[in-house]
Amino acid sequence: MNLKPETLRILVFAGIADVVIGAGLAIATLNGFFGPGLELFAAAGVAVAVWGLVLFVWGRSKLSQVEDRRGDLN
């Protein structure tokens, strides 16, 4: 699967956004922003943040591989 660098950059930014949104959701839930008894939202926030971190690391890895290639790729 050959992904273009532009696509990989978008995935990296999406990973960053997922980390921020997931961490915000977890922190807001644990501080009682949504009300008591909604710890499931905190777990979902942590899961989204972890997925965003995985997406970020994978995207950066693939992006560095694509940018290291030289020559004609057509």
N, C-alpha and C. Protein backbone atom coordinates (compact mmCIF):
# COMPACT_ATOMS: atom_id res chain seq x y z
N MET A 1 0.84 -1.16 0.00
CA MET A 1 0.00 0.00 0.00
C MET A 1 0.90 1.24 0.00
N ASN A 2 0.86 1.97 -1.10
CA ASN A 2 1.67 3.17 -1.23
C ASN A 2 0.83 4.40 -0.93
N LEU A 3 1.14 5.05 0.16
CA LEU A 3 0.45 6.27 0.53
C LEU A 3 1.30 7.47 0.18
N LYS A 4 0.66 8.51 -0.28
CA LYS A 4 1.37 9.74 -0.63
C LYS A 4 1.76 10.47 0.65
N PRO A 5 2.83 11.26 0.58
CA PRO A 5 3.24 12.02 1.78
C PRO A 5 2.15 12.95 2.30
N GLU A 6 1.35 13.51 1.40
CA GLU A 6 0.28 14.41 1.84
C GLU A 6 -0.74 13.66 2.68
N THR A 7 -1.06 12.44 2.27
CA THR A 7 -2.01 11.61 3.01
C THR A 7 -1.45 11.25 4.38
N LEU A 8 -0.17 10.93 4.42
CA LEU A 8 0.45 10.57 5.69
C LEU A 8 0.51 11.76 6.64
N ARG A 9 0.75 12.96 6.10
CA ARG A 9 0.76 14.16 6.95
C ARG A 9 -0.62 14.39 7.56
N ILE A 10 -1.66 14.16 6.78
CA ILE A 10 -3.03 14.30 7.29
C ILE A 10 -3.28 13.29 8.40
N LEU A 11 -2.80 12.06 8.23
CA LEU A 11 -2.96 11.05 9.27
C LEU A 11 -2.21 11.42 10.54
N VAL A 12 -1.04 12.02 10.39
CA VAL A 12 -0.27 12.45 11.57
C VAL A 12 -1.04 13.54 12.31
N PHE A 13 -1.57 14.52 11.57
CA PHE A 13 -2.35 15.58 12.22
C PHE A 13 -3.63 15.03 12.85
N ALA A 14 -4.24 14.04 12.21
CA ALA A 14 -5.43 13.41 12.79
C ALA A 14 -5.07 12.68 14.09
N GLY A 15 -3.90 12.06 14.13
CA GLY A 15 -3.44 11.42 15.36
C GLY A 15 -3.25 12.41 16.49
N ILE A 16 -2.67 13.57 16.16
CA ILE A 16 -2.50 14.62 17.17
C ILE A 16 -3.85 15.11 17.68
N ALA A 17 -4.78 15.31 16.75
CA ALA A 17 -6.12 15.76 17.13
C ALA A 17 -6.81 14.72 18.01
N ASP A 18 -6.66 13.44 17.69
CA ASP A 18 -7.26 12.38 18.51
C ASP A 18 -6.69 12.38 19.92
N VAL A 19 -5.40 12.57 20.04
CA VAL A 19 -4.78 12.60 21.37
C VAL A 19 -5.35 13.76 22.18
N VAL A 20 -5.44 14.94 21.57
CA VAL A 20 -5.94 16.11 22.28
C VAL A 20 -7.41 15.92 22.67
N ILE A 21 -8.23 15.46 21.73
CA ILE A 21 -9.66 15.28 22.01
C ILE A 21 -9.88 14.18 23.06
N GLY A 22 -9.18 13.07 22.91
CA GLY A 22 -9.33 11.97 23.87
C GLY A 22 -8.88 12.34 25.26
N ALA A 23 -7.74 13.03 25.36
CA ALA A 23 -7.26 13.46 26.67
C ALA A 23 -8.21 14.48 27.28
N GLY A 24 -8.72 15.38 26.46
CA GLY A 24 -9.68 16.37 26.96
C GLY A 24 -10.94 15.72 27.47
N LEU A 25 -11.44 14.73 26.74
CA LEU A 25 -12.64 14.02 27.17
C LEU A 25 -12.40 13.27 28.48
N ALA A 26 -11.26 12.61 28.58
CA ALA A 26 -10.96 11.87 29.81
C ALA A 26 -10.81 12.81 31.00
N ILE A 27 -10.09 13.90 30.82
CA ILE A 27 -9.87 14.84 31.92
C ILE A 27 -11.18 15.51 32.33
N ALA A 28 -11.98 15.92 31.34
CA ALA A 28 -13.26 16.57 31.66
C ALA A 28 -14.19 15.61 32.39
N THR A 29 -14.21 14.36 32.00
CA THR A 29 -15.08 13.39 32.65
C THR A 29 -14.63 13.12 34.08
N LEU A 30 -13.33 12.96 34.26
CA LEU A 30 -12.83 12.66 35.60
C LEU A 30 -12.98 13.86 36.54
N ASN A 31 -13.05 15.06 35.99
CA ASN A 31 -13.27 16.25 36.83
C ASN A 31 -14.75 16.53 37.06
N GLY A 32 -15.62 15.69 36.56
CA GLY A 32 -17.05 15.83 36.82
C GLY A 32 -17.76 16.80 35.90
N PHE A 33 -17.18 17.12 34.77
CA PHE A 33 -17.78 18.08 33.84
C PHE A 33 -19.11 17.58 33.28
N PHE A 34 -19.21 16.27 33.03
CA PHE A 34 -20.42 15.69 32.46
C PHE A 34 -21.37 15.12 33.51
N GLY A 35 -21.00 15.20 34.74
CA GLY A 35 -21.84 14.68 35.81
C GLY A 35 -21.24 13.41 36.40
N PRO A 36 -21.80 12.96 37.50
CA PRO A 36 -21.25 11.78 38.17
C PRO A 36 -21.67 10.49 37.47
N GLY A 37 -20.85 9.47 37.64
CA GLY A 37 -21.19 8.14 37.16
C GLY A 37 -20.96 7.91 35.69
N LEU A 38 -20.17 8.72 35.05
CA LEU A 38 -19.92 8.54 33.62
C LEU A 38 -18.45 8.19 33.35
N GLU A 39 -17.92 7.28 34.13
CA GLU A 39 -16.53 6.88 33.97
C GLU A 39 -16.29 6.18 32.64
N LEU A 40 -17.35 5.71 32.01
CA LEU A 40 -17.22 5.08 30.69
C LEU A 40 -16.70 6.09 29.66
N PHE A 41 -17.11 7.35 29.80
CA PHE A 41 -16.60 8.40 28.91
C PHE A 41 -15.10 8.61 29.11
N ALA A 42 -14.65 8.49 30.34
CA ALA A 42 -13.21 8.63 30.61
C ALA A 42 -12.44 7.50 29.94
N ALA A 43 -12.97 6.29 30.02
CA ALA A 43 -12.32 5.15 29.37
C ALA A 43 -12.32 5.32 27.85
N ALA A 44 -13.41 5.84 27.31
CA ALA A 44 -13.48 6.09 25.87
C ALA A 44 -12.48 7.17 25.47
N GLY A 45 -12.32 8.18 26.29
CA GLY A 45 -11.35 9.24 26.02
C GLY A 45 -9.93 8.72 26.02
N VAL A 46 -9.63 7.85 26.96
CA VAL A 46 -8.29 7.25 27.01
C VAL A 46 -8.06 6.38 25.78
N ALA A 47 -9.09 5.63 25.37
CA ALA A 47 -8.96 4.78 24.19
C ALA A 47 -8.72 5.63 22.93
N VAL A 48 -9.44 6.72 22.80
CA VAL A 48 -9.25 7.61 21.64
C VAL A 48 -7.84 8.22 21.67
N ALA A 49 -7.37 8.61 22.84
CA ALA A 49 -6.03 9.18 22.95
C ALA A 49 -4.95 8.16 22.60
N VAL A 50 -5.12 6.93 23.05
CA VAL A 50 -4.15 5.88 22.73
C VAL A 50 -4.17 5.58 21.23
N TRP A 51 -5.36 5.51 20.64
CA TRP A 51 -5.45 5.28 19.20
C TRP A 51 -4.80 6.43 18.44
N GLY A 52 -4.98 7.65 18.89
CA GLY A 52 -4.35 8.79 18.25
C GLY A 52 -2.84 8.72 18.33
N LEU A 53 -2.34 8.27 19.46
CA LEU A 53 -0.89 8.12 19.62
C LEU A 53 -0.35 7.05 18.66
N VAL A 54 -1.06 5.94 18.55
CA VAL A 54 -0.66 4.89 17.61
C VAL A 54 -0.68 5.42 16.18
N LEU A 55 -1.71 6.15 15.82
CA LEU A 55 -1.83 6.71 14.48
C LEU A 55 -0.70 7.71 14.21
N PHE A 56 -0.37 8.52 15.19
CA PHE A 56 0.72 9.48 15.05
C PHE A 56 2.05 8.78 14.82
N VAL A 57 2.37 7.80 15.65
CA VAL A 57 3.65 7.09 15.54
C VAL A 57 3.74 6.34 14.22
N TRP A 58 2.66 5.65 13.84
CA TRP A 58 2.65 4.91 12.58
C TRP A 58 2.80 5.86 11.39
N GLY A 59 2.09 6.97 11.41
CA GLY A 59 2.15 7.93 10.32
C GLY A 59 3.53 8.55 10.19
N ARG A 60 4.15 8.90 11.33
CA ARG A 60 5.51 9.46 11.28
C ARG A 60 6.50 8.43 10.75
N SER A 61 6.33 7.18 11.13
CA SER A 61 7.23 6.13 10.66
C SER A 61 7.11 5.96 9.14
N LYS A 62 5.89 5.88 8.66
CA LYS A 62 5.67 5.72 7.22
C LYS A 62 6.12 6.96 6.45
N LEU A 63 5.90 8.13 7.02
CA LEU A 63 6.30 9.38 6.38
C LEU A 63 7.81 9.45 6.23
N SER A 64 8.54 9.02 7.25
CA SER A 64 10.00 9.04 7.14
C SER A 64 10.48 8.03 6.10
N GLN A 65 9.79 6.90 5.95
CA GLN A 65 10.17 5.93 4.94
C GLN A 65 9.91 6.47 3.53
N VAL A 66 8.80 7.15 3.35
CA VAL A 66 8.46 7.70 2.04
C VAL A 66 9.43 8.83 1.67
N GLU A 67 9.76 9.68 2.63
CA GLU A 67 10.64 10.80 2.34
C GLU A 67 12.09 10.37 2.14
N ASP A 68 12.46 9.17 2.57
CA ASP A 68 13.84 8.69 2.38
C ASP A 68 14.06 8.12 0.98
N ARG A 69 13.00 7.79 0.28
CA ARG A 69 13.15 7.20 -1.04
C ARG A 69 13.63 8.24 -2.04
N ARG A 70 14.49 7.82 -2.92
CA ARG A 70 15.03 8.71 -3.95
C ARG A 70 14.64 8.14 -5.33
N GLY A 71 14.64 8.99 -6.31
CA GLY A 71 14.45 8.54 -7.68
C GLY A 71 13.00 8.61 -8.12
N ASP A 72 12.77 8.08 -9.31
CA ASP A 72 11.45 8.11 -9.92
C ASP A 72 10.58 7.01 -9.31
N LEU A 73 9.41 7.39 -8.81
CA LEU A 73 8.52 6.41 -8.18
C LEU A 73 7.34 6.06 -9.09
N ASN A 74 7.36 6.51 -10.33
CA ASN A 74 6.24 6.22 -11.26
C ASN A 74 6.36 4.87 -11.86
